[in-house]
Amino acid sequence: MKFKWEGIMPAVTTKFTTKDTLDLAMFSQNIKAQVEAGVHGIVLGGTLGEASTLEDSEKRTLTTETVKIVAGKIPVMINIAEQTTKGAIDAANKAEEDGASGLMMLPPMRYSAGDREVLEYFKAVANNSSLPIMVYNNPVDYKTEVTLDMFDVLLKYETIQAVKESTRDISNVTRIKNRFGNRLKIMTGVDTLALESLLMGADGWVAGLVCAFPAETVAIYELQKAGKIKEALKIYRWFLPLLELDINSKLVQNIKLAEVATGIGTENVRAPRLPLVGTERALVLKVIEDGLKNRPQLPDYKNL
């Protein structure tokens, strides 16, 4: 499937049973809810997907199951977050074997690589996989920035096609557009800057709270795309307190609680993560409850 770098792409959570195995039944229910809402792609094994805790076999199972569920309707992407170049190439090759149609790719993990090393890392995967690549640029959380000068080098490779823009600097959308035009597609990766980024020219949104609120997320994208900015802004303003649950170290637990509230997830996380307790839990539940109480009536966003 040709990858279209546009629209809403949920960075889905990984569902676990109480016995700490993959909960494929609930996972399937959530993916189907995303597809029904009209998302434009699925991202597996990101931070929200608890990638660092997943075994290789589990990642492969999630990929093959998702490919089956979406049945060619939308593309499926898996995150590459490896410590070695060899491991990244191997993960990319397995993703292709398992039916993924694209890769989201972080710079090398743990080792604080220099610019030259980061470039060689991305180039090695591009040279050893035919899958299109979205570079995940998140220097705030992962401490390595892929600069525009570095993209000048990377874009010599056809399969490097997009960036998940998570620098938190909204002006970067304009910088990228000014420098690369449509050659580098932009998927905003920060929920609380999503509409702002789309209005500045981002092509899509790799989203987090979409895991619990797929229809509202897609509606914002479709409305702004149709030029109905006031309608999009009204939903976005309602959504913002919920979106702020994503820019928090407990984002996985937060969003899983929201999924429970909307009936498309469970609270189970994999240790060392633990479910929220006490005041922290109560505060998150209050945000979710307030959001549900004031949940907006959506327009027919699929037929704008």
Protein backbone atom coordinates (compact mmCIF):
# COMPACT_ATOMS: atom_id res chain seq x y z
CA MET A 1 0.00 0.00 0.00
CA LYS A 2 1.31 3.46 -0.92
CA PHE A 3 1.72 5.42 2.29
CA LYS A 4 -0.14 8.72 2.42
CA TRP A 5 1.39 10.90 5.10
CA GLU A 6 -1.76 12.73 6.08
CA GLY A 7 -4.66 12.70 8.49
CA ILE A 8 -5.00 11.15 11.92
CA MET A 9 -2.71 8.28 12.86
CA PRO A 10 -3.28 6.94 16.39
CA ALA A 11 -0.20 5.91 18.34
CA VAL A 12 -2.20 3.07 19.84
CA THR A 13 -1.74 1.61 23.30
CA THR A 14 -0.85 -2.05 23.75
CA LYS A 15 -3.56 -3.93 25.59
CA PHE A 16 -2.54 -6.41 28.32
CA THR A 17 -4.49 -8.98 30.29
CA THR A 18 -4.32 -9.20 34.08
CA LYS A 19 -1.78 -12.00 33.51
CA ASP A 20 0.51 -9.61 31.57
CA THR A 21 -0.07 -11.19 28.15
CA LEU A 22 -1.33 -9.42 25.05
CA ASP A 23 -5.07 -8.77 25.23
CA LEU A 24 -5.78 -9.18 21.54
CA ALA A 25 -9.56 -9.10 21.99
CA MET A 26 -9.53 -5.61 23.52
CA PHE A 27 -6.76 -4.52 21.16
CA SER A 28 -8.94 -5.55 18.22
CA GLN A 29 -11.93 -3.69 19.66
CA ASN A 30 -9.92 -0.49 19.92
CA ILE A 31 -8.43 -0.76 16.42
CA LYS A 32 -11.90 -1.34 14.97
CA ALA A 33 -13.16 1.77 16.79
CA GLN A 34 -10.31 3.78 15.26
CA VAL A 35 -11.11 2.53 11.76
CA GLU A 36 -14.83 3.20 12.23
CA ALA A 37 -14.08 6.78 13.31
CA GLY A 38 -12.13 7.33 10.08
CA VAL A 39 -8.49 7.42 11.11
CA HIS A 40 -5.97 7.43 8.29
CA GLY A 41 -3.34 5.02 9.64
CA ILE A 42 -2.23 3.11 12.73
CA VAL A 43 1.08 3.47 14.58
CA LEU A 44 2.17 0.50 16.69
CA GLY A 45 4.85 0.18 19.35
CA GLY A 46 5.46 3.81 20.18
CA THR A 47 5.85 5.29 23.64
CA LEU A 48 2.12 4.89 24.22
CA GLY A 49 2.42 1.32 23.01
CA GLU A 50 4.92 0.62 25.82
CA ALA A 51 7.47 -0.34 23.18
CA SER A 52 10.40 -0.63 25.59
CA THR A 53 8.61 -3.41 27.49
CA LEU A 54 7.48 -5.46 24.49
CA GLU A 55 9.18 -8.64 23.39
CA ASP A 56 10.08 -9.00 19.74
CA SER A 57 7.46 -11.72 19.27
CA GLU A 58 4.79 -9.44 20.77
CA LYS A 59 5.62 -6.62 18.36
CA ARG A 60 5.31 -9.04 15.47
CA THR A 61 1.98 -10.33 16.74
CA LEU A 62 0.62 -6.79 17.08
CA THR A 63 1.71 -6.02 13.53
CA THR A 64 0.20 -9.10 11.92
CA GLU A 65 -3.04 -8.76 13.92
CA THR A 66 -3.44 -5.09 13.01
CA VAL A 67 -2.80 -5.79 9.34
CA LYS A 68 -5.57 -8.39 9.47
CA ILE A 69 -8.00 -6.10 11.28
CA VAL A 70 -7.61 -3.10 8.99
CA ALA A 71 -7.78 -5.37 5.94
CA GLY A 72 -6.07 -2.93 3.61
CA LYS A 73 -8.31 0.03 4.46
CA ILE A 74 -5.51 2.06 6.04
CA PRO A 75 -1.73 1.70 6.39
CA VAL A 76 -0.06 0.18 9.44
CA MET A 77 3.21 1.56 10.77
CA ILE A 78 5.45 0.21 13.50
CA ASN A 79 7.95 2.15 15.56
CA ILE A 80 11.67 1.38 15.38
CA ALA A 81 13.37 2.26 18.68
CA GLU A 82 16.54 0.21 18.86
CA GLN A 83 19.93 0.48 20.52
CA THR A 84 21.96 -0.84 17.58
CA THR A 85 21.93 -0.26 13.85
CA LYS A 86 21.85 -4.02 13.32
CA GLY A 87 18.79 -4.27 15.55
CA ALA A 88 17.04 -1.44 13.69
CA ILE A 89 17.62 -3.10 10.31
CA ASP A 90 16.38 -6.41 11.67
CA ALA A 91 13.25 -4.77 13.11
CA ALA A 92 12.54 -3.03 9.80
CA ASN A 93 12.91 -6.29 7.88
CA LYS A 94 10.58 -8.11 10.25
CA ALA A 95 8.03 -5.31 9.99
CA GLU A 96 8.04 -5.66 6.22
CA GLU A 97 7.66 -9.45 6.46
CA ASP A 98 4.72 -8.99 8.83
CA GLY A 99 2.85 -6.71 6.44
CA ALA A 100 3.58 -3.23 7.82
CA SER A 101 3.42 -0.50 5.23
CA GLY A 102 5.64 2.06 6.94
CA LEU A 103 8.08 2.77 9.77
CA MET A 104 8.24 5.41 12.46
CA MET A 105 11.87 5.63 13.49
CA LEU A 106 13.63 7.15 16.48
CA PRO A 107 17.36 7.94 16.60
CA PRO A 108 19.52 5.36 18.42
CA MET A 109 18.29 4.68 21.95
CA ARG A 110 20.38 4.96 25.16
CA TYR A 111 23.63 5.95 23.44
CA SER A 112 23.72 9.71 22.88
CA ALA A 113 24.76 9.59 19.23
CA GLY A 114 26.35 12.51 17.41
CA ASP A 115 24.90 13.96 14.21
CA ARG A 116 27.07 11.82 11.92
CA GLU A 117 26.14 8.66 13.82
CA VAL A 118 22.43 9.50 13.73
CA LEU A 119 22.60 10.06 9.97
CA GLU A 120 24.39 6.77 9.38
CA TYR A 121 21.81 4.98 11.53
CA PHE A 122 18.86 6.26 9.49
CA LYS A 123 20.69 5.73 6.20
CA ALA A 124 21.47 2.11 7.08
CA VAL A 125 17.78 1.30 7.57
CA ALA A 126 16.81 3.21 4.42
CA ASN A 127 19.38 1.16 2.48
CA ASN A 128 18.09 -2.13 3.87
CA SER A 129 14.31 -1.73 3.78
CA SER A 130 11.86 -0.68 1.09
CA LEU A 131 9.35 0.66 3.64
CA PRO A 132 8.73 4.41 3.81
CA ILE A 133 10.14 6.05 6.94
CA MET A 134 8.88 8.80 9.22
CA VAL A 135 11.68 10.20 11.37
CA TYR A 136 10.48 10.78 14.93
CA ASN A 137 12.08 14.06 15.97
CA ASN A 138 11.54 14.53 19.69
CA PRO A 139 14.58 16.18 21.29
CA VAL A 140 12.55 17.13 24.38
CA ASP A 141 12.00 13.54 25.48
CA TYR A 142 14.80 11.66 23.69
CA LYS A 143 17.56 14.33 23.80
CA THR A 144 18.62 13.91 20.16
CA GLU A 145 17.52 16.45 17.55
CA VAL A 146 17.36 15.75 13.84
CA THR A 147 18.09 19.22 12.46
CA LEU A 148 17.02 20.66 9.12
CA ASP A 149 20.61 20.35 7.90
CA MET A 150 20.49 16.66 8.78
CA PHE A 151 17.24 16.29 6.85
CA ASP A 152 19.03 17.80 3.85
CA VAL A 153 21.18 14.66 3.88
CA LEU A 154 18.44 12.18 4.76
CA LEU A 155 16.07 13.34 2.03
CA LYS A 156 18.48 12.07 -0.58
CA TYR A 157 16.93 8.71 0.31
CA GLU A 158 13.53 8.22 -1.34
CA THR A 159 12.08 6.16 1.47
CA ILE A 160 12.69 8.85 4.09
CA GLN A 161 9.50 10.79 3.54
CA ALA A 162 8.09 12.31 6.72
CA VAL A 163 8.86 13.71 10.14
CA LYS A 164 6.91 13.31 13.34
CA GLU A 165 7.44 16.87 14.50
CA SER A 166 7.63 16.87 18.30
CA THR A 167 10.12 19.65 19.02
CA ARG A 168 7.35 21.74 20.69
CA ASP A 169 8.44 24.68 18.48
CA ILE A 170 5.40 25.49 16.36
CA SER A 171 7.49 27.63 14.00
CA ASN A 172 9.35 24.49 12.89
CA VAL A 173 6.36 23.60 10.72
CA THR A 174 6.96 26.76 8.69
CA ARG A 175 10.73 26.24 8.65
CA ILE A 176 10.26 22.73 7.24
CA LYS A 177 7.74 23.89 4.63
CA ASN A 178 9.98 26.79 3.58
CA ARG A 179 13.00 24.56 3.19
CA PHE A 180 11.59 21.30 1.82
CA GLY A 181 8.13 22.07 0.46
CA ASN A 182 6.15 18.85 0.10
CA ARG A 183 9.25 16.65 -0.04
CA LEU A 184 9.15 16.20 3.75
CA LYS A 185 5.66 15.50 5.03
CA ILE A 186 4.91 16.75 8.53
CA MET A 187 2.95 14.76 11.09
CA THR A 188 2.58 16.75 14.30
CA GLY A 189 3.33 14.60 17.33
CA VAL A 190 2.26 16.81 20.24
CA ASP A 191 -1.44 16.61 21.11
CA THR A 192 -1.56 20.07 22.69
CA LEU A 193 -0.12 21.71 19.54
CA ALA A 194 -2.07 19.65 17.05
CA LEU A 195 -4.61 22.08 15.62
CA GLU A 196 -2.06 24.90 15.65
CA SER A 197 0.35 22.71 13.67
CA LEU A 198 -2.31 21.64 11.17
CA LEU A 199 -3.29 25.25 10.56
CA MET A 200 0.36 26.12 9.94
CA GLY A 201 0.59 23.44 7.27
CA ALA A 202 1.26 20.09 8.96
CA ASP A 203 -0.10 17.21 6.89
CA GLY A 204 -1.43 15.16 9.78
CA TRP A 205 -1.38 14.27 13.45
CA VAL A 206 0.14 11.23 15.17
CA ALA A 207 -2.23 11.40 18.12
CA GLY A 208 -2.47 10.05 21.66
CA LEU A 209 -5.89 10.83 23.14
CA VAL A 210 -7.37 9.53 19.91
CA CYS A 211 -6.94 6.12 21.57
CA ALA A 212 -9.94 6.98 23.76
CA PHE A 213 -11.63 9.64 21.60
CA PRO A 214 -11.20 8.64 17.96
CA ALA A 215 -14.24 10.44 16.50
CA GLU A 216 -13.46 13.79 18.15
CA THR A 217 -9.85 13.64 16.95
CA VAL A 218 -10.75 12.84 13.35
CA ALA A 219 -13.48 15.50 13.41
CA ILE A 220 -10.94 18.21 14.30
CA TYR A 221 -8.73 17.17 11.39
CA GLU A 222 -11.54 16.93 8.85
CA LEU A 223 -13.14 20.21 9.90
CA GLN A 224 -9.93 22.23 9.66
CA LYS A 225 -9.14 20.59 6.33
CA ALA A 226 -12.55 21.69 5.03
CA GLY A 227 -11.90 25.24 6.22
CA LYS A 228 -14.39 25.01 9.07
CA ILE A 229 -11.94 26.44 11.58
CA LYS A 230 -14.46 27.74 14.11
CA GLU A 231 -16.11 24.32 14.32
CA ALA A 232 -12.72 22.61 14.70
CA LEU A 233 -11.63 25.10 17.33
CA LYS A 234 -14.76 24.55 19.41
CA ILE A 235 -14.04 20.82 19.67
CA TYR A 236 -10.32 21.41 20.23
CA ARG A 237 -10.97 23.79 23.12
CA TRP A 238 -13.19 21.19 24.75
CA PHE A 239 -10.49 18.57 24.11
CA LEU A 240 -7.47 20.46 25.46
CA PRO A 241 -7.68 19.41 29.14
CA LEU A 242 -7.80 15.80 27.94
CA LEU A 243 -4.98 16.35 25.45
CA GLU A 244 -2.79 17.59 28.29
CA LEU A 245 -2.89 14.06 29.72
CA ASP A 246 -0.57 13.16 26.84
CA ILE A 247 2.24 15.56 27.77
CA ASN A 248 2.97 13.89 31.08
CA SER A 249 5.34 11.17 32.22
CA LYS A 250 2.31 8.99 33.08
CA LEU A 251 0.75 9.43 29.64
CA VAL A 252 0.31 5.67 29.20
CA GLN A 253 -1.62 5.26 32.45
CA ASN A 254 -3.58 8.47 31.80
CA ILE A 255 -4.70 7.48 28.34
CA LYS A 256 -5.50 3.93 29.36
CA LEU A 257 -7.81 5.33 32.06
CA ALA A 258 -9.50 7.41 29.36
CA GLU A 259 -9.90 4.30 27.19
CA VAL A 260 -11.63 2.54 30.08
CA ALA A 261 -14.02 5.50 30.42
CA THR A 262 -14.98 5.32 26.74
CA GLY A 263 -15.26 1.54 26.72
CA ILE A 264 -12.42 0.69 24.34
CA GLY A 265 -9.56 -0.25 26.65
CA THR A 266 -8.37 -1.54 29.98
CA GLU A 267 -6.18 -0.05 32.67
CA ASN A 268 -3.58 -2.83 32.58
CA VAL A 269 0.00 -1.65 32.09
CA ARG A 270 3.25 -3.59 32.08
CA ALA A 271 5.64 -3.23 35.02
CA PRO A 272 7.61 -1.26 35.94
CA ARG A 273 4.61 0.94 35.09
CA LEU A 274 1.80 0.64 37.60
CA PRO A 275 -1.81 1.86 37.47
CA LEU A 276 -2.40 5.28 38.97
CA VAL A 277 -3.46 5.53 42.62
CA GLY A 278 -4.46 8.15 45.16
CA THR A 279 -4.58 11.86 44.40
CA GLU A 280 -2.83 11.43 41.05
CA ARG A 281 -5.51 9.00 39.89
CA ALA A 282 -8.33 11.17 41.21
CA LEU A 283 -7.07 14.21 39.31
CA VAL A 284 -6.85 12.32 36.03
CA LEU A 285 -10.30 10.80 36.53
CA LYS A 286 -11.70 14.28 37.18
CA VAL A 287 -10.34 15.54 33.86
CA ILE A 288 -11.82 12.54 32.07
CA GLU A 289 -15.18 12.84 33.84
CA ASP A 290 -15.42 16.55 33.06
CA GLY A 291 -14.61 15.83 29.43
CA LEU A 292 -17.29 13.16 29.17
CA LYS A 293 -19.85 15.37 30.90
CA ASN A 294 -19.31 18.13 28.32
CA ARG A 295 -18.60 15.91 25.32
CA PRO A 296 -19.58 17.84 22.18
CA GLN A 297 -22.11 16.79 19.59
CA LEU A 298 -20.08 16.16 16.46
CA PRO A 299 -21.09 17.29 12.98
CA ASP A 300 -21.17 14.82 10.09
CA TYR A 301 -17.43 15.18 9.69
CA LYS A 302 -17.12 12.22 7.33
CA ASN A 303 -19.19 13.98 4.67
CA LEU A 304 -17.90 17.54 4.63
